[in-house]
Amino acid sequence: MDNSEFMELMDELGIPSENIIECHEPKDSLEILQNLEKQYGVDTSVAIDKSLMTGIPEDVFKKWTKAFNSFVEYHGDVSLINNHPDEYVLPDISSQEAGFVNSASFFVQ
């Protein structure tokens, strides 16, 4: 199903286009993860483990965790995150190395 077919289906279902967000995964979640790592100066593997982190606001922790879960779900390449040396690095938990495998996904809110 291409983008126009999807939008037609949503229109048929009565879902307004302003309630549809186009996302490109794992590219979008990778960008969020890299920005948070840069902003807070810690690796994602450390930030998402609550027992290791203190000082990260709860809303940021939730955003970070959500982005990481999306990144892994869409087979993001974990070698592109966790770039802070001398920190614990999360092992590669994906069974396949993949680039940006899904050019567009849609989320209805």
PDB file of N, CA and C in Angstrom:
ATOM      1  N   MET A   1       0.853  -1.162   0.000  1.00  0.00           N
ATOM      2  CA  MET A   1       0.000   0.000   0.000  1.00  0.00           C
ATOM      3  C   MET A   1       0.905   1.234   0.000  1.00  0.00           C
ATOM      4  N   ASP A   2       0.697   2.097  -0.978  1.00  0.00           N
ATOM      5  CA  ASP A   2       1.503   3.316  -1.019  1.00  0.00           C
ATOM      6  C   ASP A   2       0.816   4.419  -0.214  1.00  0.00           C
ATOM      7  N   ASN A   3       1.463   5.566  -0.127  1.00  0.00           N
ATOM      8  CA  ASN A   3       0.962   6.656   0.712  1.00  0.00           C
ATOM      9  C   ASN A   3      -0.427   7.121   0.296  1.00  0.00           C
ATOM     10  N   SER A   4      -0.663   7.262  -1.008  1.00  0.00           N
ATOM     11  CA  SER A   4      -1.965   7.763  -1.454  1.00  0.00           C
ATOM     12  C   SER A   4      -3.070   6.757  -1.150  1.00  0.00           C
ATOM     13  N   GLU A   5      -2.787   5.463  -1.294  1.00  0.00           N
ATOM     14  CA  GLU A   5      -3.778   4.438  -0.966  1.00  0.00           C
ATOM     15  C   GLU A   5      -4.097   4.467   0.529  1.00  0.00           C
ATOM     16  N   PHE A   6      -3.083   4.637   1.328  1.00  0.00           N
ATOM     17  CA  PHE A   6      -3.279   4.709   2.773  1.00  0.00           C
ATOM     18  C   PHE A   6      -4.150   5.907   3.134  1.00  0.00           C
ATOM     19  N   MET A   7      -3.848   7.058   2.538  1.00  0.00           N
ATOM     20  CA  MET A   7      -4.613   8.264   2.839  1.00  0.00           C
ATOM     21  C   MET A   7      -6.063   8.118   2.379  1.00  0.00           C
ATOM     22  N   GLU A   8      -6.291   7.450   1.244  1.00  0.00           N
ATOM     23  CA  GLU A   8      -7.652   7.193   0.782  1.00  0.00           C
ATOM     24  C   GLU A   8      -8.399   6.310   1.786  1.00  0.00           C
ATOM     25  N   LEU A   9      -7.738   5.277   2.288  1.00  0.00           N
ATOM     26  CA  LEU A   9      -8.351   4.396   3.270  1.00  0.00           C
ATOM     27  C   LEU A   9      -8.714   5.166   4.538  1.00  0.00           C
ATOM     28  N   MET A  10      -7.807   6.004   5.017  1.00  0.00           N
ATOM     29  CA  MET A  10      -8.088   6.793   6.216  1.00  0.00           C
ATOM     30  C   MET A  10      -9.272   7.725   5.979  1.00  0.00           C
ATOM     31  N   ASP A  11      -9.355   8.302   4.772  1.00  0.00           N
ATOM     32  CA  ASP A  11     -10.471   9.172   4.423  1.00  0.00           C
ATOM     33  C   ASP A  11     -11.779   8.383   4.435  1.00  0.00           C
ATOM     34  N   GLU A  12     -11.754   7.175   3.876  1.00  0.00           N
ATOM     35  CA  GLU A  12     -12.942   6.314   3.866  1.00  0.00           C
ATOM     36  C   GLU A  12     -13.379   5.962   5.292  1.00  0.00           C
ATOM     37  N   LEU A  13     -12.418   5.818   6.188  1.00  0.00           N
ATOM     38  CA  LEU A  13     -12.720   5.489   7.576  1.00  0.00           C
ATOM     39  C   LEU A  13     -13.114   6.722   8.398  1.00  0.00           C
ATOM     40  N   GLY A  14     -13.045   7.885   7.777  1.00  0.00           N
ATOM     41  CA  GLY A  14     -13.428   9.120   8.457  1.00  0.00           C
ATOM     42  C   GLY A  14     -12.378   9.675   9.389  1.00  0.00           C
ATOM     43  N   ILE A  15     -11.122   9.310   9.179  1.00  0.00           N
ATOM     44  CA  ILE A  15     -10.035   9.810  10.025  1.00  0.00           C
ATOM     45  C   ILE A  15      -9.432  11.046   9.361  1.00  0.00           C
ATOM     46  N   PRO A  16      -9.525  12.199  10.024  1.00  0.00           N
ATOM     47  CA  PRO A  16      -9.011  13.434   9.428  1.00  0.00           C
ATOM     48  C   PRO A  16      -7.491  13.383   9.212  1.00  0.00           C
ATOM     49  N   SER A  17      -7.055  13.988   8.132  1.00  0.00           N
ATOM     50  CA  SER A  17      -5.619  13.962   7.800  1.00  0.00           C
ATOM     51  C   SER A  17      -4.763  14.619   8.869  1.00  0.00           C
ATOM     52  N   GLU A  18      -5.320  15.579   9.626  1.00  0.00           N
ATOM     53  CA  GLU A  18      -4.528  16.226  10.685  1.00  0.00           C
ATOM     54  C   GLU A  18      -4.250  15.291  11.856  1.00  0.00           C
ATOM     55  N   ASN A  19      -4.920  14.140  11.899  1.00  0.00           N
ATOM     56  CA  ASN A  19      -4.670  13.146  12.946  1.00  0.00           C
ATOM     57  C   ASN A  19      -3.679  12.074  12.498  1.00  0.00           C
ATOM     58  N   ILE A  20      -3.117  12.244  11.316  1.00  0.00           N
ATOM     59  CA  ILE A  20      -2.186  11.257  10.772  1.00  0.00           C
ATOM     60  C   ILE A  20      -0.791  11.879  10.727  1.00  0.00           C
ATOM     61  N   ILE A  21       0.150  11.187  11.334  1.00  0.00           N
ATOM     62  CA  ILE A  21       1.535  11.661  11.376  1.00  0.00           C
ATOM     63  C   ILE A  21       2.388  10.708  10.547  1.00  0.00           C
ATOM     64  N   GLU A  22       3.104  11.251   9.583  1.00  0.00           N
ATOM     65  CA  GLU A  22       3.995  10.428   8.769  1.00  0.00           C
ATOM     66  C   GLU A  22       5.340  10.299   9.478  1.00  0.00           C
ATOM     67  N   CYS A  23       5.804   9.064   9.619  1.00  0.00           N
ATOM     68  CA  CYS A  23       7.081   8.808  10.278  1.00  0.00           C
ATOM     69  C   CYS A  23       7.941   7.944   9.370  1.00  0.00           C
ATOM     70  N   HIS A  24       9.225   8.137   9.454  1.00  0.00           N
ATOM     71  CA  HIS A  24      10.200   7.338   8.698  1.00  0.00           C
ATOM     72  C   HIS A  24      11.081   6.630   9.717  1.00  0.00           C
ATOM     73  N   GLU A  25      10.825   5.359   9.899  1.00  0.00           N
ATOM     74  CA  GLU A  25      11.559   4.592  10.907  1.00  0.00           C
ATOM     75  C   GLU A  25      12.509   3.597  10.255  1.00  0.00           C
ATOM     76  N   PRO A  26      13.647   3.348  10.854  1.00  0.00           N
ATOM     77  CA  PRO A  26      14.134   3.818  12.149  1.00  0.00           C
ATOM     78  C   PRO A  26      14.848   5.163  12.110  1.00  0.00           C
ATOM     79  N   LYS A  27      14.805   5.845  10.960  1.00  0.00           N
ATOM     80  CA  LYS A  27      15.511   7.115  10.816  1.00  0.00           C
ATOM     81  C   LYS A  27      15.066   8.161  11.841  1.00  0.00           C
ATOM     82  N   ASP A  28      13.744   8.311  12.031  1.00  0.00           N
ATOM     83  CA  ASP A  28      13.254   9.334  12.959  1.00  0.00           C
ATOM     84  C   ASP A  28      13.664   9.045  14.399  1.00  0.00           C
ATOM     85  N   SER A  29      13.518   7.787  14.824  1.00  0.00           N
ATOM     86  CA  SER A  29      13.889   7.462  16.206  1.00  0.00           C
ATOM     87  C   SER A  29      15.404   7.559  16.402  1.00  0.00           C
ATOM     88  N   LEU A  30      16.185   7.236  15.377  1.00  0.00           N
ATOM     89  CA  LEU A  30      17.642   7.394  15.465  1.00  0.00           C
ATOM     90  C   LEU A  30      18.005   8.852  15.711  1.00  0.00           C
ATOM     91  N   GLU A  31      17.357   9.754  15.013  1.00  0.00           N
ATOM     92  CA  GLU A  31      17.638  11.179  15.181  1.00  0.00           C
ATOM     93  C   GLU A  31      17.321  11.630  16.610  1.00  0.00           C
ATOM     94  N   ILE A  32      16.203  11.156  17.141  1.00  0.00           N
ATOM     95  CA  ILE A  32      15.835  11.498  18.530  1.00  0.00           C
ATOM     96  C   ILE A  32      16.890  10.964  19.495  1.00  0.00           C
ATOM     97  N   LEU A  33      17.274   9.692  19.325  1.00  0.00           N
ATOM     98  CA  LEU A  33      18.262   9.082  20.222  1.00  0.00           C
ATOM     99  C   LEU A  33      19.591   9.826  20.169  1.00  0.00           C
ATOM    100  N   GLN A  34      20.074  10.122  18.972  1.00  0.00           N
ATOM    101  CA  GLN A  34      21.357  10.814  18.844  1.00  0.00           C
ATOM    102  C   GLN A  34      21.295  12.210  19.456  1.00  0.00           C
ATOM    103  N   ASN A  35      20.176  12.903  19.273  1.00  0.00           N
ATOM    104  CA  ASN A  35      20.036  14.239  19.860  1.00  0.00           C
ATOM    105  C   ASN A  35      20.018  14.182  21.388  1.00  0.00           C
ATOM    106  N   LEU A  36      19.310  13.196  21.941  1.00  0.00           N
ATOM    107  CA  LEU A  36      19.267  13.062  23.405  1.00  0.00           C
ATOM    108  C   LEU A  36      20.631  12.677  23.960  1.00  0.00           C
ATOM    109  N   GLU A  37      21.345  11.782  23.279  1.00  0.00           N
ATOM    110  CA  GLU A  37      22.695  11.416  23.724  1.00  0.00           C
ATOM    111  C   GLU A  37      23.601  12.637  23.747  1.00  0.00           C
ATOM    112  N   LYS A  38      23.501  13.444  22.702  1.00  0.00           N
ATOM    113  CA  LYS A  38      24.332  14.644  22.618  1.00  0.00           C
ATOM    114  C   LYS A  38      23.934  15.652  23.700  1.00  0.00           C
ATOM    115  N   GLN A  39      22.636  15.854  23.893  1.00  0.00           N
ATOM    116  CA  GLN A  39      22.152  16.821  24.867  1.00  0.00           C
ATOM    117  C   GLN A  39      22.535  16.452  26.296  1.00  0.00           C
ATOM    118  N   TYR A  40      22.417  15.162  26.646  1.00  0.00           N
ATOM    119  CA  TYR A  40      22.663  14.732  28.026  1.00  0.00           C
ATOM    120  C   TYR A  40      24.054  14.137  28.226  1.00  0.00           C
ATOM    121  N   GLY A  41      24.782  13.882  27.137  1.00  0.00           N
ATOM    122  CA  GLY A  41      26.143  13.379  27.250  1.00  0.00           C
ATOM    123  C   GLY A  41      26.247  11.958  27.760  1.00  0.00           C
ATOM    124  N   VAL A  42      25.222  11.150  27.535  1.00  0.00           N
ATOM    125  CA  VAL A  42      25.245   9.746  27.947  1.00  0.00           C
ATOM    126  C   VAL A  42      24.700   8.873  26.824  1.00  0.00           C
ATOM    127  N   ASP A  43      25.086   7.609  26.859  1.00  0.00           N
ATOM    128  CA  ASP A  43      24.602   6.653  25.874  1.00  0.00           C
ATOM    129  C   ASP A  43      23.160   6.271  26.159  1.00  0.00           C
ATOM    130  N   THR A  44      22.482   5.871  25.118  1.00  0.00           N
ATOM    131  CA  THR A  44      21.106   5.396  25.243  1.00  0.00           C
ATOM    132  C   THR A  44      21.042   4.196  26.179  1.00  0.00           C
ATOM    133  N   SER A  45      22.006   3.294  26.082  1.00  0.00           N
ATOM    134  CA  SER A  45      21.986   2.096  26.927  1.00  0.00           C
ATOM    135  C   SER A  45      22.008   2.448  28.406  1.00  0.00           C
ATOM    136  N   VAL A  46      22.646   3.539  28.764  1.00  0.00           N
ATOM    137  CA  VAL A  46      22.690   3.987  30.153  1.00  0.00           C
ATOM    138  C   VAL A  46      21.400   4.726  30.496  1.00  0.00           C
ATOM    139  N   ALA A  47      20.960   5.593  29.589  1.00  0.00           N
ATOM    140  CA  ALA A  47      19.797   6.432  29.868  1.00  0.00           C
ATOM    141  C   ALA A  47      18.517   5.634  30.035  1.00  0.00           C
ATOM    142  N   ILE A  48      18.364   4.537  29.306  1.00  0.00           N
ATOM    143  CA  ILE A  48      17.107   3.791  29.402  1.00  0.00           C
ATOM    144  C   ILE A  48      17.097   2.801  30.558  1.00  0.00           C
ATOM    145  N   ASP A  49      18.235   2.636  31.216  1.00  0.00           N
ATOM    146  CA  ASP A  49      18.297   1.782  32.399  1.00  0.00           C
ATOM    147  C   ASP A  49      18.152   2.683  33.625  1.00  0.00           C
ATOM    148  N   LYS A  50      16.930   2.755  34.149  1.00  0.00           N
ATOM    149  CA  LYS A  50      16.644   3.656  35.274  1.00  0.00           C
ATOM    150  C   LYS A  50      17.566   3.439  36.465  1.00  0.00           C
ATOM    151  N   SER A  51      18.033   2.208  36.648  1.00  0.00           N
ATOM    152  CA  SER A  51      18.894   1.943  37.805  1.00  0.00           C
ATOM    153  C   SER A  51      20.254   2.606  37.667  1.00  0.00           C
ATOM    154  N   LEU A  52      20.648   2.958  36.424  1.00  0.00           N
ATOM    155  CA  LEU A  52      21.949   3.589  36.212  1.00  0.00           C
ATOM    156  C   LEU A  52      21.869   5.118  36.161  1.00  0.00           C
ATOM    157  N   MET A  53      20.694   5.648  35.885  1.00  0.00           N
ATOM    158  CA  MET A  53      20.586   7.080  35.649  1.00  0.00           C
ATOM    159  C   MET A  53      19.816   7.796  36.748  1.00  0.00           C
ATOM    160  N   THR A  54      20.313   8.932  37.075  1.00  0.00           N
ATOM    161  CA  THR A  54      19.578   9.863  37.922  1.00  0.00           C
ATOM    162  C   THR A  54      19.734  11.225  37.277  1.00  0.00           C
ATOM    163  N   GLY A  55      18.794  12.083  37.495  1.00  0.00           N
ATOM    164  CA  GLY A  55      18.907  13.436  36.961  1.00  0.00           C
ATOM    165  C   GLY A  55      18.252  13.652  35.613  1.00  0.00           C
ATOM    166  N   ILE A  56      17.757  12.605  34.973  1.00  0.00           N
ATOM    167  CA  ILE A  56      17.039  12.784  33.713  1.00  0.00           C
ATOM    168  C   ILE A  56      15.558  12.902  34.069  1.00  0.00           C
ATOM    169  N   PRO A  57      14.908  13.973  33.624  1.00  0.00           N
ATOM    170  CA  PRO A  57      13.485  14.144  33.933  1.00  0.00           C
ATOM    171  C   PRO A  57      12.653  12.970  33.401  1.00  0.00           C
ATOM    172  N   GLU A  58      11.573  12.669  34.101  1.00  0.00           N
ATOM    173  CA  GLU A  58      10.722  11.529  33.749  1.00  0.00           C
ATOM    174  C   GLU A  58      10.192  11.623  32.320  1.00  0.00           C
ATOM    175  N   ASP A  59       9.797  12.819  31.877  1.00  0.00           N
ATOM    176  CA  ASP A  59       9.275  12.951  30.512  1.00  0.00           C
ATOM    177  C   ASP A  59      10.363  12.677  29.468  1.00  0.00           C
ATOM    178  N   VAL A  60      11.585  13.060  29.759  1.00  0.00           N
ATOM    179  CA  VAL A  60      12.700  12.781  28.849  1.00  0.00           C
ATOM    180  C   VAL A  60      13.002  11.287  28.839  1.00  0.00           C
ATOM    181  N   PHE A  61      12.972  10.667  30.012  1.00  0.00           N
ATOM    182  CA  PHE A  61      13.182   9.221  30.105  1.00  0.00           C
ATOM    183  C   PHE A  61      12.149   8.480  29.256  1.00  0.00           C
ATOM    184  N   LYS A  62      10.883   8.881  29.345  1.00  0.00           N
ATOM    185  CA  LYS A  62       9.822   8.235  28.561  1.00  0.00           C
ATOM    186  C   LYS A  62      10.043   8.433  27.065  1.00  0.00           C
ATOM    187  N   LYS A  63      10.415   9.653  26.665  1.00  0.00           N
ATOM    188  CA  LYS A  63      10.679   9.939  25.248  1.00  0.00           C
ATOM    189  C   LYS A  63      11.847   9.089  24.751  1.00  0.00           C
ATOM    190  N   TRP A  64      12.888   8.997  25.553  1.00  0.00           N
ATOM    191  CA  TRP A  64      14.092   8.242  25.200  1.00  0.00           C
ATOM    192  C   TRP A  64      13.753   6.757  25.043  1.00  0.00           C
ATOM    193  N   THR A  65      13.010   6.227  25.997  1.00  0.00           N
ATOM    194  CA  THR A  65      12.629   4.815  25.964  1.00  0.00           C
ATOM    195  C   THR A  65      11.740   4.513  24.769  1.00  0.00           C
ATOM    196  N   LYS A  66      10.778   5.392  24.503  1.00  0.00           N
ATOM    197  CA  LYS A  66       9.879   5.199  23.356  1.00  0.00           C
ATOM    198  C   LYS A  66      10.664   5.210  22.046  1.00  0.00           C
ATOM    199  N   ALA A  67      11.582   6.154  21.907  1.00  0.00           N
ATOM    200  CA  ALA A  67      12.397   6.232  20.689  1.00  0.00           C
ATOM    201  C   ALA A  67      13.269   4.990  20.537  1.00  0.00           C
ATOM    202  N   PHE A  68      13.852   4.524  21.648  1.00  0.00           N
ATOM    203  CA  PHE A  68      14.688   3.325  21.587  1.00  0.00           C
ATOM    204  C   PHE A  68      13.859   2.104  21.191  1.00  0.00           C
ATOM    205  N   ASN A  69      12.680   1.959  21.770  1.00  0.00           N
ATOM    206  CA  ASN A  69      11.820   0.823  21.426  1.00  0.00           C
ATOM    207  C   ASN A  69      11.429   0.842  19.952  1.00  0.00           C
ATOM    208  N   SER A  70      11.108   2.018  19.422  1.00  0.00           N
ATOM    209  CA  SER A  70      10.784   2.135  17.997  1.00  0.00           C
ATOM    210  C   SER A  70      11.995   1.793  17.143  1.00  0.00           C
ATOM    211  N   PHE A  71      13.148   2.298  17.530  1.00  0.00           N
ATOM    212  CA  PHE A  71      14.382   2.061  16.787  1.00  0.00           C
ATOM    213  C   PHE A  71      14.682   0.571  16.685  1.00  0.00           C
ATOM    214  N   VAL A  72      14.555  -0.138  17.788  1.00  0.00           N
ATOM    215  CA  VAL A  72      14.813  -1.578  17.809  1.00  0.00           C
ATOM    216  C   VAL A  72      13.738  -2.329  17.030  1.00  0.00           C
ATOM    217  N   GLU A  73      12.479  -1.920  17.206  1.00  0.00           N
ATOM    218  CA  GLU A  73      11.370  -2.588  16.516  1.00  0.00           C
ATOM    219  C   GLU A  73      11.534  -2.529  14.998  1.00  0.00           C
ATOM    220  N   TYR A  74      12.054  -1.429  14.499  1.00  0.00           N
ATOM    221  CA  TYR A  74      12.261  -1.263  13.059  1.00  0.00           C
ATOM    222  C   TYR A  74      13.662  -1.670  12.625  1.00  0.00           C
ATOM    223  N   HIS A  75      14.334  -2.470  13.445  1.00  0.00           N
ATOM    224  CA  HIS A  75      15.648  -3.051  13.138  1.00  0.00           C
ATOM    225  C   HIS A  75      16.704  -1.994  12.861  1.00  0.00           C
ATOM    226  N   GLY A  76      16.702  -0.937  13.662  1.00  0.00           N
ATOM    227  CA  GLY A  76      17.735   0.076  13.548  1.00  0.00           C
ATOM    228  C   GLY A  76      19.102  -0.504  13.905  1.00  0.00           C
ATOM    229  N   ASP A  77      20.125   0.011  13.301  1.00  0.00           N
ATOM    230  CA  ASP A  77      21.497  -0.443  13.523  1.00  0.00           C
ATOM    231  C   ASP A  77      22.031   0.197  14.810  1.00  0.00           C
ATOM    232  N   VAL A  78      22.150  -0.604  15.875  1.00  0.00           N
ATOM    233  CA  VAL A  78      22.554  -0.052  17.172  1.00  0.00           C
ATOM    234  C   VAL A  78      23.984   0.483  17.185  1.00  0.00           C
ATOM    235  N   SER A  79      24.757   0.184  16.153  1.00  0.00           N
ATOM    236  CA  SER A  79      26.096   0.762  16.099  1.00  0.00           C
ATOM    237  C   SER A  79      26.042   2.271  15.843  1.00  0.00           C
ATOM    238  N   LEU A  80      24.864   2.781  15.475  1.00  0.00           N
ATOM    239  CA  LEU A  80      24.710   4.215  15.215  1.00  0.00           C
ATOM    240  C   LEU A  80      24.358   5.007  16.477  1.00  0.00           C
ATOM    241  N   ILE A  81      24.133   4.294  17.597  1.00  0.00           N
ATOM    242  CA  ILE A  81      23.868   4.968  18.870  1.00  0.00           C
ATOM    243  C   ILE A  81      24.926   4.510  19.873  1.00  0.00           C
ATOM    244  N   ASN A  82      24.844   4.994  21.087  1.00  0.00           N
ATOM    245  CA  ASN A  82      25.814   4.648  22.140  1.00  0.00           C
ATOM    246  C   ASN A  82      27.227   5.054  21.735  1.00  0.00           C
ATOM    247  N   ASN A  83      27.401   6.330  21.454  1.00  0.00           N
ATOM    248  CA  ASN A  83      28.683   6.829  20.951  1.00  0.00           C
ATOM    249  C   ASN A  83      29.551   7.516  21.985  1.00  0.00           C
ATOM    250  N   HIS A  84      29.232   7.343  23.251  1.00  0.00           N
ATOM    251  CA  HIS A  84      30.048   7.959  24.293  1.00  0.00           C
ATOM    252  C   HIS A  84      31.060   6.938  24.813  1.00  0.00           C
ATOM    253  N   PRO A  85      32.351   7.176  24.587  1.00  0.00           N
ATOM    254  CA  PRO A  85      33.370   6.200  24.985  1.00  0.00           C
ATOM    255  C   PRO A  85      33.396   5.970  26.493  1.00  0.00           C
ATOM    256  N   ASP A  86      33.871   4.802  26.855  1.00  0.00           N
ATOM    257  CA  ASP A  86      34.033   4.397  28.245  1.00  0.00           C
ATOM    258  C   ASP A  86      32.715   4.196  28.983  1.00  0.00           C
ATOM    259  N   GLU A  87      31.628   4.082  28.268  1.00  0.00           N
ATOM    260  CA  GLU A  87      30.339   3.803  28.878  1.00  0.00           C
ATOM    261  C   GLU A  87      29.942   2.382  28.506  1.00  0.00           C
ATOM    262  N   TYR A  88      29.036   1.819  29.279  1.00  0.00           N
ATOM    263  CA  TYR A  88      28.491   0.509  28.955  1.00  0.00           C
ATOM    264  C   TYR A  88      27.751   0.602  27.635  1.00  0.00           C
ATOM    265  N   VAL A  89      27.992  -0.318  26.726  1.00  0.00           N
ATOM    266  CA  VAL A  89      27.329  -0.314  25.425  1.00  0.00           C
ATOM    267  C   VAL A  89      26.379  -1.499  25.352  1.00  0.00           C
ATOM    268  N   LEU A  90      25.144  -1.224  25.001  1.00  0.00           N
ATOM    269  CA  LEU A  90      24.138  -2.261  24.861  1.00  0.00           C
ATOM    270  C   LEU A  90      24.529  -3.208  23.737  1.00  0.00           C
ATOM    271  N   PRO A  91      24.527  -4.512  23.972  1.00  0.00           N
ATOM    272  CA  PRO A  91      24.863  -5.435  22.896  1.00  0.00           C
ATOM    273  C   PRO A  91      23.847  -5.355  21.771  1.00  0.00           C
ATOM    274  N   ASP A  92      24.273  -5.727  20.573  1.00  0.00           N
ATOM    275  CA  ASP A  92      23.400  -5.694  19.415  1.00  0.00           C
ATOM    276  C   ASP A  92      22.314  -6.750  19.595  1.00  0.00           C
ATOM    277  N   ILE A  93      21.082  -6.308  19.849  1.00  0.00           N
ATOM    278  CA  ILE A  93      20.007  -7.246  20.122  1.00  0.00           C
ATOM    279  C   ILE A  93      19.183  -7.567  18.884  1.00  0.00           C
ATOM    280  N   SER A  94      19.493  -6.926  17.770  1.00  0.00           N
ATOM    281  CA  SER A  94      18.742  -7.256  16.556  1.00  0.00           C
ATOM    282  C   SER A  94      19.406  -8.446  15.880  1.00  0.00           C
ATOM    283  N   SER A  95      18.589  -9.289  15.313  1.00  0.00           N
ATOM    284  CA  SER A  95      19.115 -10.491  14.676  1.00  0.00           C
ATOM    285  C   SER A  95      19.615 -10.206  13.278  1.00  0.00           C
ATOM    286  N   GLN A  96      19.339  -9.021  12.782  1.00  0.00           N
ATOM    287  CA  GLN A  96      19.819  -8.668  11.453  1.00  0.00           C
ATOM    288  C   GLN A  96      20.287  -7.223  11.457  1.00  0.00           C
ATOM    289  N   GLU A  97      21.309  -6.967  10.680  1.00  0.00           N
ATOM    290  CA  GLU A  97      21.763  -5.598  10.510  1.00  0.00           C
ATOM    291  C   GLU A  97      20.894  -5.009   9.417  1.00  0.00           C
ATOM    292  N   ALA A  98      20.357  -3.841   9.636  1.00  0.00           N
ATOM    293  CA  ALA A  98      19.493  -3.242   8.634  1.00  0.00           C
ATOM    294  C   ALA A  98      19.679  -1.742   8.643  1.00  0.00           C
ATOM    295  N   GLY A  99      19.529  -1.170   7.495  1.00  0.00           N
ATOM    296  CA  GLY A  99      19.539   0.278   7.397  1.00  0.00           C
ATOM    297  C   GLY A  99      18.141   0.775   7.702  1.00  0.00           C
ATOM    298  N   PHE A 100      17.685   1.730   6.954  1.00  0.00           N
ATOM    299  CA  PHE A 100      16.359   2.256   7.158  1.00  0.00           C
ATOM    300  C   PHE A 100      15.406   1.399   6.334  1.00  0.00           C
ATOM    301  N   VAL A 101      14.805   0.395   6.982  1.00  0.00           N
ATOM    302  CA  VAL A 101      14.078  -0.648   6.288  1.00  0.00           C
ATOM    303  C   VAL A 101      12.669  -0.257   5.884  1.00  0.00           C
ATOM    304  N   ASN A 102      12.107   0.750   6.484  1.00  0.00           N
ATOM    305  CA  ASN A 102      10.730   1.096   6.193  1.00  0.00           C
ATOM    306  C   ASN A 102      10.699   2.576   5.860  1.00  0.00           C
ATOM    307  N   SER A 103      10.395   2.902   4.607  1.00  0.00           N
ATOM    308  CA  SER A 103      10.502   4.283   4.197  1.00  0.00           C
ATOM    309  C   SER A 103       9.438   5.185   4.802  1.00  0.00           C
ATOM    310  N   ALA A 104       8.280   4.632   5.104  1.00  0.00           N
ATOM    311  CA  ALA A 104       7.241   5.465   5.718  1.00  0.00           C
ATOM    312  C   ALA A 104       6.261   4.607   6.475  1.00  0.00           C
ATOM    313  N   SER A 105       5.945   5.061   7.640  1.00  0.00           N
ATOM    314  CA  SER A 105       4.899   4.436   8.434  1.00  0.00           C
ATOM    315  C   SER A 105       3.980   5.541   8.878  1.00  0.00           C
ATOM    316  N   PHE A 106       2.757   5.202   9.181  1.00  0.00           N
ATOM    317  CA  PHE A 106       1.803   6.204   9.604  1.00  0.00           C
ATOM    318  C   PHE A 106       1.259   5.827  10.953  1.00  0.00           C
ATOM    319  N   PHE A 107       1.041   6.821  11.791  1.00  0.00           N
ATOM    320  CA  PHE A 107       0.470   6.624  13.097  1.00  0.00           C
ATOM    321  C   PHE A 107      -0.761   7.499  13.208  1.00  0.00           C
ATOM    322  N   VAL A 108      -1.851   6.913  13.625  1.00  0.00           N
ATOM    323  CA  VAL A 108      -3.095   7.657  13.766  1.00  0.00           C
ATOM    324  C   VAL A 108      -3.304   7.935  15.240  1.00  0.00           C
ATOM    325  N   GLN A 109      -3.602   9.191  15.556  1.00  0.00           N
ATOM    326  CA  GLN A 109      -3.813   9.551  16.951  1.00  0.00           C
ATOM    327  C   GLN A 109      -5.250   9.907  17.201  1.00  0.00           C
TER     328      GLN A 109
END
